[in-house]
PDB file of all heavy atoms in Angstrom:
ATOM      1  N   ASN A   1     152.320 121.113 110.078  1.00  0.00           N
ATOM      2  CA  ASN A   1     153.382 121.950 110.494  1.00  0.00           C
ATOM      3  C   ASN A   1     153.236 123.419 110.159  1.00  0.00           C
ATOM      4  O   ASN A   1     154.116 124.215 110.382  1.00  0.00           O
ATOM      5  CB  ASN A   1     154.723 121.389 110.034  1.00  0.00           C
ATOM      6  CG  ASN A   1     154.811 121.342 108.512  1.00  0.00           C
ATOM      7  OD1 ASN A   1     153.873 121.758 107.786  1.00  0.00           O
ATOM      8  ND2 ASN A   1     155.910 120.806 107.976  1.00  0.00           N
ATOM      9  N   THR A   2     152.098 123.814 109.577  1.00  0.00           N
ATOM     10  CA  THR A   2     151.775 125.188 109.350  1.00  0.00           C
ATOM     11  C   THR A   2     150.800 125.766 110.411  1.00  0.00           C
ATOM     12  O   THR A   2     150.574 126.962 110.443  1.00  0.00           O
ATOM     13  CB  THR A   2     151.203 125.457 107.967  1.00  0.00           C
ATOM     14  OG1 THR A   2     149.891 124.901 107.884  1.00  0.00           O
ATOM     15  CG2 THR A   2     152.088 124.837 106.885  1.00  0.00           C
ATOM     16  N   TYR A   3     150.259 124.887 111.255  1.00  0.00           N
ATOM     17  CA  TYR A   3     149.208 125.284 112.162  1.00  0.00           C
ATOM     18  C   TYR A   3     149.784 125.584 113.565  1.00  0.00           C
ATOM     19  O   TYR A   3     150.612 124.857 114.093  1.00  0.00           O
ATOM     20  CB  TYR A   3     148.189 124.186 112.316  1.00  0.00           C
ATOM     21  CG  TYR A   3     147.471 123.768 111.076  1.00  0.00           C
ATOM     22  CD1 TYR A   3     147.135 122.446 110.834  1.00  0.00           C
ATOM     23  CD2 TYR A   3     147.094 124.698 110.115  1.00  0.00           C
ATOM     24  CE1 TYR A   3     146.483 122.060 109.662  1.00  0.00           C
ATOM     25  CE2 TYR A   3     146.412 124.368 108.952  1.00  0.00           C
ATOM     26  CZ  TYR A   3     146.155 123.017 108.711  1.00  0.00           C
ATOM     27  OH  TYR A   3     145.482 122.642 107.563  1.00  0.00           O
ATOM     28  N   ALA A   4     149.283 126.637 114.134  1.00  0.00           N
ATOM     29  CA  ALA A   4     149.361 126.775 115.583  1.00  0.00           C
ATOM     30  C   ALA A   4     148.237 125.906 116.163  1.00  0.00           C
ATOM     31  O   ALA A   4     147.181 125.795 115.576  1.00  0.00           O
ATOM     32  CB  ALA A   4     149.188 128.196 115.985  1.00  0.00           C
ATOM     33  N   MET A   5     148.489 125.298 117.281  1.00  0.00           N
ATOM     34  CA  MET A   5     147.498 124.362 117.870  1.00  0.00           C
ATOM     35  C   MET A   5     147.106 124.867 119.244  1.00  0.00           C
ATOM     36  O   MET A   5     147.934 125.445 119.994  1.00  0.00           O
ATOM     37  CB  MET A   5     148.137 122.986 118.025  1.00  0.00           C
ATOM     38  CG  MET A   5     148.595 122.376 116.698  1.00  0.00           C
ATOM     39  SD  MET A   5     147.220 122.075 115.512  1.00  0.00           S
ATOM     40  CE  MET A   5     146.193 120.931 116.469  1.00  0.00           C
ATOM     41  N   GLY A   6     145.896 124.659 119.584  1.00  0.00           N
ATOM     42  CA  GLY A   6     145.357 125.039 120.895  1.00  0.00           C
ATOM     43  C   GLY A   6     144.566 123.974 121.556  1.00  0.00           C
ATOM     44  O   GLY A   6     144.003 123.037 120.889  1.00  0.00           O
ATOM     45  N   TRP A   7     144.551 124.005 122.854  1.00  0.00           N
ATOM     46  CA  TRP A   7     143.735 123.135 123.661  1.00  0.00           C
ATOM     47  C   TRP A   7     142.685 123.954 124.429  1.00  0.00           C
ATOM     48  O   TRP A   7     143.083 124.980 125.032  1.00  0.00           O
ATOM     49  CB  TRP A   7     144.570 122.273 124.653  1.00  0.00           C
ATOM     50  CG  TRP A   7     145.292 121.164 124.015  1.00  0.00           C
ATOM     51  CD1 TRP A   7     146.595 121.132 123.653  1.00  0.00           C
ATOM     52  CD2 TRP A   7     144.769 119.883 123.778  1.00  0.00           C
ATOM     53  NE1 TRP A   7     146.933 119.941 123.152  1.00  0.00           N
ATOM     54  CE2 TRP A   7     145.845 119.098 123.209  1.00  0.00           C
ATOM     55  CE3 TRP A   7     143.522 119.248 123.948  1.00  0.00           C
ATOM     56  CZ2 TRP A   7     145.696 117.771 122.833  1.00  0.00           C
ATOM     57  CZ3 TRP A   7     143.394 117.915 123.528  1.00  0.00           C
ATOM     58  CH2 TRP A   7     144.447 117.226 123.003  1.00  0.00           C
ATOM     59  N   PHE A   8     141.450 123.526 124.411  1.00  0.00           N
ATOM     60  CA  PHE A   8     140.403 124.196 125.176  1.00  0.00           C
ATOM     61  C   PHE A   8     139.661 123.159 125.961  1.00  0.00           C
ATOM     62  O   PHE A   8     139.773 122.010 125.726  1.00  0.00           O
ATOM     63  CB  PHE A   8     139.409 124.868 124.179  1.00  0.00           C
ATOM     64  CG  PHE A   8     140.003 126.054 123.435  1.00  0.00           C
ATOM     65  CD1 PHE A   8     140.870 125.846 122.361  1.00  0.00           C
ATOM     66  CD2 PHE A   8     139.669 127.344 123.827  1.00  0.00           C
ATOM     67  CE1 PHE A   8     141.393 126.898 121.696  1.00  0.00           C
ATOM     68  CE2 PHE A   8     140.191 128.396 123.100  1.00  0.00           C
ATOM     69  CZ  PHE A   8     141.052 128.224 122.043  1.00  0.00           C
ATOM     70  N   ARG A   9     138.894 123.620 126.907  1.00  0.00           N
ATOM     71  CA  ARG A   9     138.061 122.693 127.676  1.00  0.00           C
ATOM     72  C   ARG A   9     136.737 123.357 127.991  1.00  0.00           C
ATOM     73  O   ARG A   9     136.621 124.583 128.081  1.00  0.00           O
ATOM     74  CB  ARG A   9     138.746 122.276 128.963  1.00  0.00           C
ATOM     75  CG  ARG A   9     138.944 123.386 129.987  1.00  0.00           C
ATOM     76  CD  ARG A   9     139.783 122.858 131.159  1.00  0.00           C
ATOM     77  NE  ARG A   9     139.929 123.880 132.210  1.00  0.00           N
ATOM     78  CZ  ARG A   9     140.671 123.726 133.253  1.00  0.00           C
ATOM     79  NH1 ARG A   9     141.377 122.580 133.454  1.00  0.00           N
ATOM     80  NH2 ARG A   9     140.748 124.650 134.199  1.00  0.00           N
ATOM     81  N   GLN A  10     135.736 122.537 128.197  1.00  0.00           N
ATOM     82  CA  GLN A  10     134.419 122.996 128.549  1.00  0.00           C
ATOM     83  C   GLN A  10     133.838 122.080 129.585  1.00  0.00           C
ATOM     84  O   GLN A  10     133.591 120.911 129.324  1.00  0.00           O
ATOM     85  CB  GLN A  10     133.501 123.104 127.332  1.00  0.00           C
ATOM     86  CG  GLN A  10     132.193 123.755 127.595  1.00  0.00           C
ATOM     87  CD  GLN A  10     131.464 124.164 126.337  1.00  0.00           C
ATOM     88  OE1 GLN A  10     131.720 123.596 125.273  1.00  0.00           O
ATOM     89  NE2 GLN A  10     130.537 125.131 126.421  1.00  0.00           N
ATOM     90  N   ALA A  11     133.558 122.642 130.730  1.00  0.00           N
ATOM     91  CA  ALA A  11     132.908 121.939 131.834  1.00  0.00           C
ATOM     92  C   ALA A  11     131.394 122.117 131.751  1.00  0.00           C
ATOM     93  O   ALA A  11     130.936 123.081 131.146  1.00  0.00           O
ATOM     94  CB  ALA A  11     133.418 122.439 133.176  1.00  0.00           C
ATOM     95  N   PRO A  12     130.618 121.193 132.360  1.00  0.00           N
ATOM     96  CA  PRO A  12     129.188 121.330 132.286  1.00  0.00           C
ATOM     97  C   PRO A  12     128.706 122.662 132.846  1.00  0.00           C
ATOM     98  O   PRO A  12     129.115 123.082 133.942  1.00  0.00           O
ATOM     99  CB  PRO A  12     128.703 120.183 133.179  1.00  0.00           C
ATOM    100  CG  PRO A  12     129.806 119.151 133.105  1.00  0.00           C
ATOM    101  CD  PRO A  12     131.055 119.999 133.032  1.00  0.00           C
ATOM    102  N   GLY A  13     127.880 123.371 132.064  1.00  0.00           N
ATOM    103  CA  GLY A  13     127.314 124.621 132.499  1.00  0.00           C
ATOM    104  C   GLY A  13     128.254 125.819 132.398  1.00  0.00           C
ATOM    105  O   GLY A  13     127.870 126.877 132.820  1.00  0.00           O
ATOM    106  N   LYS A  14     129.443 125.584 131.816  1.00  0.00           N
ATOM    107  CA  LYS A  14     130.404 126.704 131.704  1.00  0.00           C
ATOM    108  C   LYS A  14     130.781 126.905 130.283  1.00  0.00           C
ATOM    109  O   LYS A  14     130.572 126.079 129.403  1.00  0.00           O
ATOM    110  CB  LYS A  14     131.627 126.382 132.564  1.00  0.00           C
ATOM    111  CG  LYS A  14     131.398 126.275 134.018  1.00  0.00           C
ATOM    112  CD  LYS A  14     132.705 126.086 134.819  1.00  0.00           C
ATOM    113  CE  LYS A  14     132.445 126.022 136.310  1.00  0.00           C
ATOM    114  NZ  LYS A  14     133.700 125.868 137.044  1.00  0.00           N
ATOM    115  N   GLU A  15     131.343 128.098 129.987  1.00  0.00           N
ATOM    116  CA  GLU A  15     131.825 128.420 128.679  1.00  0.00           C
ATOM    117  C   GLU A  15     133.152 127.711 128.361  1.00  0.00           C
ATOM    118  O   GLU A  15     133.881 127.349 129.283  1.00  0.00           O
ATOM    119  CB  GLU A  15     131.977 129.885 128.510  1.00  0.00           C
ATOM    120  CG  GLU A  15     130.652 130.694 128.593  1.00  0.00           C
ATOM    121  CD  GLU A  15     130.839 132.167 128.357  1.00  0.00           C
ATOM    122  OE1 GLU A  15     131.981 132.622 128.326  1.00  0.00           O
ATOM    123  OE2 GLU A  15     129.803 132.834 128.170  1.00  0.00           O
ATOM    124  N   ARG A  16     133.426 127.608 127.103  1.00  0.00           N
ATOM    125  CA  ARG A  16     134.675 126.986 126.695  1.00  0.00           C
ATOM    126  C   ARG A  16     135.848 127.892 127.138  1.00  0.00           C
ATOM    127  O   ARG A  16     135.806 129.141 127.013  1.00  0.00           O
ATOM    128  CB  ARG A  16     134.719 126.830 125.161  1.00  0.00           C
ATOM    129  CG  ARG A  16     135.902 126.061 124.659  1.00  0.00           C
ATOM    130  CD  ARG A  16     135.692 125.729 123.185  1.00  0.00           C
ATOM    131  NE  ARG A  16     134.644 124.731 123.043  1.00  0.00           N
ATOM    132  CZ  ARG A  16     134.320 124.129 121.872  1.00  0.00           C
ATOM    133  NH1 ARG A  16     134.970 124.445 120.776  1.00  0.00           N
ATOM    134  NH2 ARG A  16     133.297 123.288 121.845  1.00  0.00           N
ATOM    135  N   GLU A  17     136.903 127.243 127.608  1.00  0.00           N
ATOM    136  CA  GLU A  17     138.024 127.943 128.249  1.00  0.00           C
ATOM    137  C   GLU A  17     139.314 127.550 127.539  1.00  0.00           C
ATOM    138  O   GLU A  17     139.540 126.371 127.292  1.00  0.00           O
ATOM    139  CB  GLU A  17     138.089 127.580 129.727  1.00  0.00           C
ATOM    140  CG  GLU A  17     139.269 128.191 130.505  1.00  0.00           C
ATOM    141  CD  GLU A  17     139.381 127.606 131.880  1.00  0.00           C
ATOM    142  OE1 GLU A  17     138.776 126.571 132.154  1.00  0.00           O
ATOM    143  OE2 GLU A  17     140.046 128.246 132.693  1.00  0.00           O
ATOM    144  N   PHE A  18     140.162 128.549 127.361  1.00  0.00           N
ATOM    145  CA  PHE A  18     141.446 128.284 126.764  1.00  0.00           C
ATOM    146  C   PHE A  18     142.377 127.618 127.781  1.00  0.00           C
ATOM    147  O   PHE A  18     142.524 128.113 128.893  1.00  0.00           O
ATOM    148  CB  PHE A  18     142.086 129.598 126.254  1.00  0.00           C
ATOM    149  CG  PHE A  18     143.449 129.458 125.724  1.00  0.00           C
ATOM    150  CD1 PHE A  18     143.744 128.901 124.522  1.00  0.00           C
ATOM    151  CD2 PHE A  18     144.536 129.935 126.486  1.00  0.00           C
ATOM    152  CE1 PHE A  18     145.008 128.809 124.042  1.00  0.00           C
ATOM    153  CE2 PHE A  18     145.862 129.846 126.001  1.00  0.00           C
ATOM    154  CZ  PHE A  18     146.070 129.272 124.778  1.00  0.00           C
ATOM    155  N   VAL A  19     143.002 126.538 127.371  1.00  0.00           N
ATOM    156  CA  VAL A  19     143.901 125.833 128.234  1.00  0.00           C
ATOM    157  C   VAL A  19     145.365 126.168 127.877  1.00  0.00           C
ATOM    158  O   VAL A  19     146.149 126.510 128.712  1.00  0.00           O
ATOM    159  CB  VAL A  19     143.702 124.313 128.181  1.00  0.00           C
ATOM    160  CG1 VAL A  19     144.747 123.588 129.049  1.00  0.00           C
ATOM    161  CG2 VAL A  19     142.288 123.946 128.613  1.00  0.00           C
ATOM    162  N   GLY A  20     145.712 126.000 126.626  1.00  0.00           N
ATOM    163  CA  GLY A  20     147.072 126.284 126.188  1.00  0.00           C
ATOM    164  C   GLY A  20     147.191 126.236 124.686  1.00  0.00           C
ATOM    165  O   GLY A  20     146.330 125.692 124.028  1.00  0.00           O
ATOM    166  N   GLY A  21     148.281 126.832 124.197  1.00  0.00           N
ATOM    167  CA  GLY A  21     148.501 126.866 122.758  1.00  0.00           C
ATOM    168  C   GLY A  21     149.986 126.739 122.448  1.00  0.00           C
ATOM    169  O   GLY A  21     150.824 127.033 123.297  1.00  0.00           O
ATOM    170  N   ILE A  22     150.313 126.361 121.220  1.00  0.00           N
ATOM    171  CA  ILE A  22     151.657 126.226 120.781  1.00  0.00           C
ATOM    172  C   ILE A  22     151.755 126.664 119.350  1.00  0.00           C
ATOM    173  O   ILE A  22     150.870 126.315 118.509  1.00  0.00           O
ATOM    174  CB  ILE A  22     152.139 124.781 121.021  1.00  0.00           C
ATOM    175  CG1 ILE A  22     153.630 124.656 120.646  1.00  0.00           C
ATOM    176  CG2 ILE A  22     151.292 123.763 120.219  1.00  0.00           C
ATOM    177  CD1 ILE A  22     154.233 123.306 121.089  1.00  0.00           C
ATOM    178  N   SER A  23     152.805 127.354 118.968  1.00  0.00           N
ATOM    179  CA  SER A  23     152.996 127.812 117.622  1.00  0.00           C
ATOM    180  C   SER A  23     153.391 126.658 116.696  1.00  0.00           C
ATOM    181  O   SER A  23     153.633 125.552 117.108  1.00  0.00           O
ATOM    182  CB  SER A  23     154.095 128.888 117.578  1.00  0.00           C
ATOM    183  OG  SER A  23     155.308 128.364 117.996  1.00  0.00           O
ATOM    184  N   TRP A  24     153.367 126.968 115.387  1.00  0.00           N
ATOM    185  CA  TRP A  24     153.595 125.939 114.376  1.00  0.00           C
ATOM    186  C   TRP A  24     154.971 125.233 114.567  1.00  0.00           C
ATOM    187  O   TRP A  24     155.075 124.024 114.294  1.00  0.00           O
ATOM    188  CB  TRP A  24     153.502 126.505 112.992  1.00  0.00           C
ATOM    189  CG  TRP A  24     154.577 127.460 112.584  1.00  0.00           C
ATOM    190  CD1 TRP A  24     154.611 128.793 112.790  1.00  0.00           C
ATOM    191  CD2 TRP A  24     155.824 127.148 111.928  1.00  0.00           C
ATOM    192  NE1 TRP A  24     155.764 129.342 112.278  1.00  0.00           N
ATOM    193  CE2 TRP A  24     156.530 128.291 111.776  1.00  0.00           C
ATOM    194  CE3 TRP A  24     156.382 125.949 111.494  1.00  0.00           C
ATOM    195  CZ2 TRP A  24     157.760 128.388 111.163  1.00  0.00           C
ATOM    196  CZ3 TRP A  24     157.649 125.989 110.890  1.00  0.00           C
ATOM    197  CH2 TRP A  24     158.314 127.175 110.737  1.00  0.00           C
ATOM    198  N   ALA A  25     156.004 125.960 115.026  1.00  0.00           N
ATOM    199  CA  ALA A  25     157.314 125.414 115.207  1.00  0.00           C
ATOM    200  C   ALA A  25     157.603 124.979 116.637  1.00  0.00           C
ATOM    201  O   ALA A  25     158.664 124.446 116.960  1.00  0.00           O
ATOM    202  CB  ALA A  25     158.376 126.396 114.737  1.00  0.00           C
ATOM    203  N   GLY A  26     156.661 125.319 117.531  1.00  0.00           N
ATOM    204  CA  GLY A  26     156.822 124.941 118.931  1.00  0.00           C
ATOM    205  C   GLY A  26     157.580 125.972 119.771  1.00  0.00           C
ATOM    206  O   GLY A  26     157.722 125.730 120.983  1.00  0.00           O
ATOM    207  N   GLY A  27     158.016 127.053 119.215  1.00  0.00           N
ATOM    208  CA  GLY A  27     158.805 128.006 119.934  1.00  0.00           C
ATOM    209  C   GLY A  27     158.044 129.018 120.768  1.00  0.00           C
ATOM    210  O   GLY A  27     158.580 129.751 121.620  1.00  0.00           O
ATOM    211  N   SER A  28     156.729 129.079 120.560  1.00  0.00           N
ATOM    212  CA  SER A  28     155.877 129.994 121.294  1.00  0.00           C
ATOM    213  C   SER A  28     154.788 129.179 121.992  1.00  0.00           C
ATOM    214  O   SER A  28     154.047 128.437 121.320  1.00  0.00           O
ATOM    215  CB  SER A  28     155.264 131.030 120.362  1.00  0.00           C
ATOM    216  OG  SER A  28     154.320 131.839 121.047  1.00  0.00           O
ATOM    217  N   ILE A  29     154.676 129.305 123.312  1.00  0.00           N
ATOM    218  CA  ILE A  29     153.745 128.518 124.119  1.00  0.00           C
ATOM    219  C   ILE A  29     153.037 129.426 125.077  1.00  0.00           C
ATOM    220  O   ILE A  29     153.669 130.295 125.704  1.00  0.00           O
ATOM    221  CB  ILE A  29     154.427 127.369 124.822  1.00  0.00           C
ATOM    222  CG1 ILE A  29     155.022 126.338 123.830  1.00  0.00           C
ATOM    223  CG2 ILE A  29     153.493 126.684 125.760  1.00  0.00           C
ATOM    224  CD1 ILE A  29     155.900 125.292 124.460  1.00  0.00           C
ATOM    225  N   GLY A  30     151.768 129.218 125.283  1.00  0.00           N
ATOM    226  CA  GLY A  30     151.062 129.927 126.285  1.00  0.00           C
ATOM    227  C   GLY A  30     149.989 129.086 126.930  1.00  0.00           C
ATOM    228  O   GLY A  30     149.519 128.125 126.377  1.00  0.00           O
ATOM    229  N   PHE A  31     149.630 129.461 128.182  1.00  0.00           N
ATOM    230  CA  PHE A  31     148.633 128.736 128.951  1.00  0.00           C
ATOM    231  C   PHE A  31     147.616 129.674 129.546  1.00  0.00           C
ATOM    232  O   PHE A  31     147.916 130.845 129.819  1.00  0.00           O
ATOM    233  CB  PHE A  31     149.295 127.891 130.064  1.00  0.00           C
ATOM    234  CG  PHE A  31     150.230 126.859 129.571  1.00  0.00           C
ATOM    235  CD1 PHE A  31     151.626 127.081 129.532  1.00  0.00           C
ATOM    236  CD2 PHE A  31     149.783 125.640 129.129  1.00  0.00           C
ATOM    237  CE1 PHE A  31     152.497 126.141 129.087  1.00  0.00           C
ATOM    238  CE2 PHE A  31     150.676 124.635 128.698  1.00  0.00           C
ATOM    239  CZ  PHE A  31     152.037 124.919 128.640  1.00  0.00           C
ATOM    240  N   GLY A  32     146.468 129.128 129.827  1.00  0.00           N
ATOM    241  CA  GLY A  32     145.451 129.837 130.573  1.00  0.00           C
ATOM    242  C   GLY A  32     145.849 129.870 132.056  1.00  0.00           C
ATOM    243  O   GLY A  32     146.617 129.040 132.544  1.00  0.00           O
ATOM    244  N   ASP A  33     145.370 130.914 132.745  1.00  0.00           N
ATOM    245  CA  ASP A  33     145.759 131.104 134.112  1.00  0.00           C
ATOM    246  C   ASP A  33     145.374 129.909 135.044  1.00  0.00           C
ATOM    247  O   ASP A  33     146.090 129.664 136.011  1.00  0.00           O
ATOM    248  CB  ASP A  33     145.153 132.371 134.679  1.00  0.00           C
ATOM    249  CG  ASP A  33     145.695 133.652 134.082  1.00  0.00           C
ATOM    250  OD1 ASP A  33     146.817 133.559 133.537  1.00  0.00           O
ATOM    251  OD2 ASP A  33     145.012 134.676 134.131  1.00  0.00           O
ATOM    252  N   SER A  34     144.333 129.251 134.687  1.00  0.00           N
ATOM    253  CA  SER A  34     143.852 128.154 135.532  1.00  0.00           C
ATOM    254  C   SER A  34     144.737 126.933 135.564  1.00  0.00           C
ATOM    255  O   SER A  34     144.651 126.098 136.428  1.00  0.00           O
ATOM    256  CB  SER A  34     142.441 127.769 135.152  1.00  0.00           C
ATOM    257  OG  SER A  34     142.443 127.260 133.832  1.00  0.00           O
ATOM    258  N   VAL A  35     145.613 126.823 134.594  1.00  0.00           N
ATOM    259  CA  VAL A  35     146.470 125.620 134.446  1.00  0.00           C
ATOM    260  C   VAL A  35     147.950 125.916 134.469  1.00  0.00           C
ATOM    261  O   VAL A  35     148.747 124.967 134.387  1.00  0.00           O
ATOM    262  CB  VAL A  35     146.136 124.806 133.207  1.00  0.00           C
ATOM    263  CG1 VAL A  35     144.669 124.344 133.194  1.00  0.00           C
ATOM    264  CG2 VAL A  35     146.468 125.602 131.924  1.00  0.00           C
ATOM    265  N   LYS A  36     148.333 127.135 134.582  1.00  0.00           N
ATOM    266  CA  LYS A  36     149.751 127.470 134.557  1.00  0.00           C
ATOM    267  C   LYS A  36     150.482 126.818 135.730  1.00  0.00           C
ATOM    268  O   LYS A  36     150.056 126.811 136.853  1.00  0.00           O
ATOM    269  CB  LYS A  36     149.919 129.017 134.710  1.00  0.00           C
ATOM    270  CG  LYS A  36     149.616 129.807 133.417  1.00  0.00           C
ATOM    271  CD  LYS A  36     149.861 131.224 133.563  1.00  0.00           C
ATOM    272  CE  LYS A  36     149.614 131.979 132.225  1.00  0.00           C
ATOM    273  NZ  LYS A  36     149.798 133.431 132.326  1.00  0.00           N
ATOM    274  N   GLY A  37     151.587 126.235 135.359  1.00  0.00           N
ATOM    275  CA  GLY A  37     152.430 125.498 136.319  1.00  0.00           C
ATOM    276  C   GLY A  37     152.044 124.029 136.432  1.00  0.00           C
ATOM    277  O   GLY A  37     152.764 123.259 137.066  1.00  0.00           O
ATOM    278  N   ARG A  38     150.932 123.600 135.799  1.00  0.00           N
ATOM    279  CA  ARG A  38     150.515 122.250 135.878  1.00  0.00           C
ATOM    280  C   ARG A  38     150.470 121.554 134.558  1.00  0.00           C
ATOM    281  O   ARG A  38     150.255 120.300 134.542  1.00  0.00           O
ATOM    282  CB  ARG A  38     149.116 122.138 136.579  1.00  0.00           C
ATOM    283  CG  ARG A  38     149.140 122.688 137.974  1.00  0.00           C
ATOM    284  CD  ARG A  38     147.765 122.395 138.680  1.00  0.00           C
ATOM    285  NE  ARG A  38     146.683 123.060 138.060  1.00  0.00           N
ATOM    286  CZ  ARG A  38     145.645 122.448 137.514  1.00  0.00           C
ATOM    287  NH1 ARG A  38     145.583 121.129 137.553  1.00  0.00           N
ATOM    288  NH2 ARG A  38     144.648 123.158 136.964  1.00  0.00           N
ATOM    289  N   CYS A  39     150.549 122.279 133.497  1.00  0.00           N
ATOM    290  CA  CYS A  39     150.444 121.721 132.150  1.00  0.00           C
ATOM    291  C   CYS A  39     151.668 122.039 131.271  1.00  0.00           C
ATOM    292  O   CYS A  39     152.272 123.073 131.450  1.00  0.00           O
ATOM    293  CB  CYS A  39     149.195 122.223 131.461  1.00  0.00           C
ATOM    294  SG  CYS A  39     147.619 121.658 132.206  1.00  0.00           S
ATOM    295  N   THR A  40     151.948 121.171 130.360  1.00  0.00           N
ATOM    296  CA  THR A  40     152.895 121.433 129.286  1.00  0.00           C
ATOM    297  C   THR A  40     152.315 121.079 127.970  1.00  0.00           C
ATOM    298  O   THR A  40     151.479 120.170 127.876  1.00  0.00           O
ATOM    299  CB  THR A  40     154.229 120.671 129.491  1.00  0.00           C
ATOM    300  OG1 THR A  40     153.954 119.291 129.568  1.00  0.00           O
ATOM    301  CG2 THR A  40     154.879 121.115 130.791  1.00  0.00           C
ATOM    302  N   ILE A  41     152.726 121.751 126.932  1.00  0.00           N
ATOM    303  CA  ILE A  41     152.310 121.405 125.578  1.00  0.00           C
ATOM    304  C   ILE A  41     153.514 121.156 124.737  1.00  0.00           C
ATOM    305  O   ILE A  41     154.548 121.839 124.863  1.00  0.00           O
ATOM    306  CB  ILE A  41     151.512 122.637 125.004  1.00  0.00           C
ATOM    307  CG1 ILE A  41     150.188 122.831 125.701  1.00  0.00           C
ATOM    308  CG2 ILE A  41     151.235 122.386 123.487  1.00  0.00           C
ATOM    309  CD1 ILE A  41     149.406 124.022 125.225  1.00  0.00           C
ATOM    310  N   SER A  42     153.392 120.163 123.880  1.00  0.00           N
ATOM    311  CA  SER A  42     154.482 119.867 122.961  1.00  0.00           C
ATOM    312  C   SER A  42     153.842 119.362 121.629  1.00  0.00           C
ATOM    313  O   SER A  42     152.631 119.069 121.589  1.00  0.00           O
ATOM    314  CB  SER A  42     155.399 118.789 123.507  1.00  0.00           C
ATOM    315  OG  SER A  42     154.700 117.578 123.803  1.00  0.00           O
ATOM    316  N   ARG A  43     154.658 119.275 120.630  1.00  0.00           N
ATOM    317  CA  ARG A  43     154.158 118.821 119.353  1.00  0.00           C
ATOM    318  C   ARG A  43     155.230 118.001 118.606  1.00  0.00           C
ATOM    319  O   ARG A  43     156.450 118.289 118.800  1.00  0.00           O
ATOM    320  CB  ARG A  43     153.665 119.924 118.456  1.00  0.00           C
ATOM    321  CG  ARG A  43     154.677 120.947 118.028  1.00  0.00           C
ATOM    322  CD  ARG A  43     154.065 122.138 117.359  1.00  0.00           C
ATOM    323  NE  ARG A  43     153.377 121.798 116.158  1.00  0.00           N
ATOM    324  CZ  ARG A  43     152.403 122.548 115.540  1.00  0.00           C
ATOM    325  NH1 ARG A  43     152.080 123.701 116.100  1.00  0.00           N
ATOM    326  NH2 ARG A  43     151.856 122.098 114.429  1.00  0.00           N
ATOM    327  N   ASP A  44     154.799 117.082 117.823  1.00  0.00           N
ATOM    328  CA  ASP A  44     155.679 116.307 117.002  1.00  0.00           C
ATOM    329  C   ASP A  44     155.164 116.449 115.545  1.00  0.00           C
ATOM    330  O   ASP A  44     154.179 115.785 115.153  1.00  0.00           O
ATOM    331  CB  ASP A  44     155.674 114.822 117.441  1.00  0.00           C
ATOM    332  CG  ASP A  44     156.697 113.980 116.668  1.00  0.00           C
ATOM    333  OD1 ASP A  44     157.143 114.361 115.576  1.00  0.00           O
ATOM    334  OD2 ASP A  44     157.071 112.924 117.194  1.00  0.00           O
TER     335      ASP A  44
END
């Protein structure tokens, strides 16, 4: 509960890409442009 968390992805032959992140309390969320509108992030 002190960590901000992030999701990344890496496709074959490509660099690692930011998918989304969430703050330690969940109040701040952000997504990469490639997945905006299609992904949600949550934490327990």
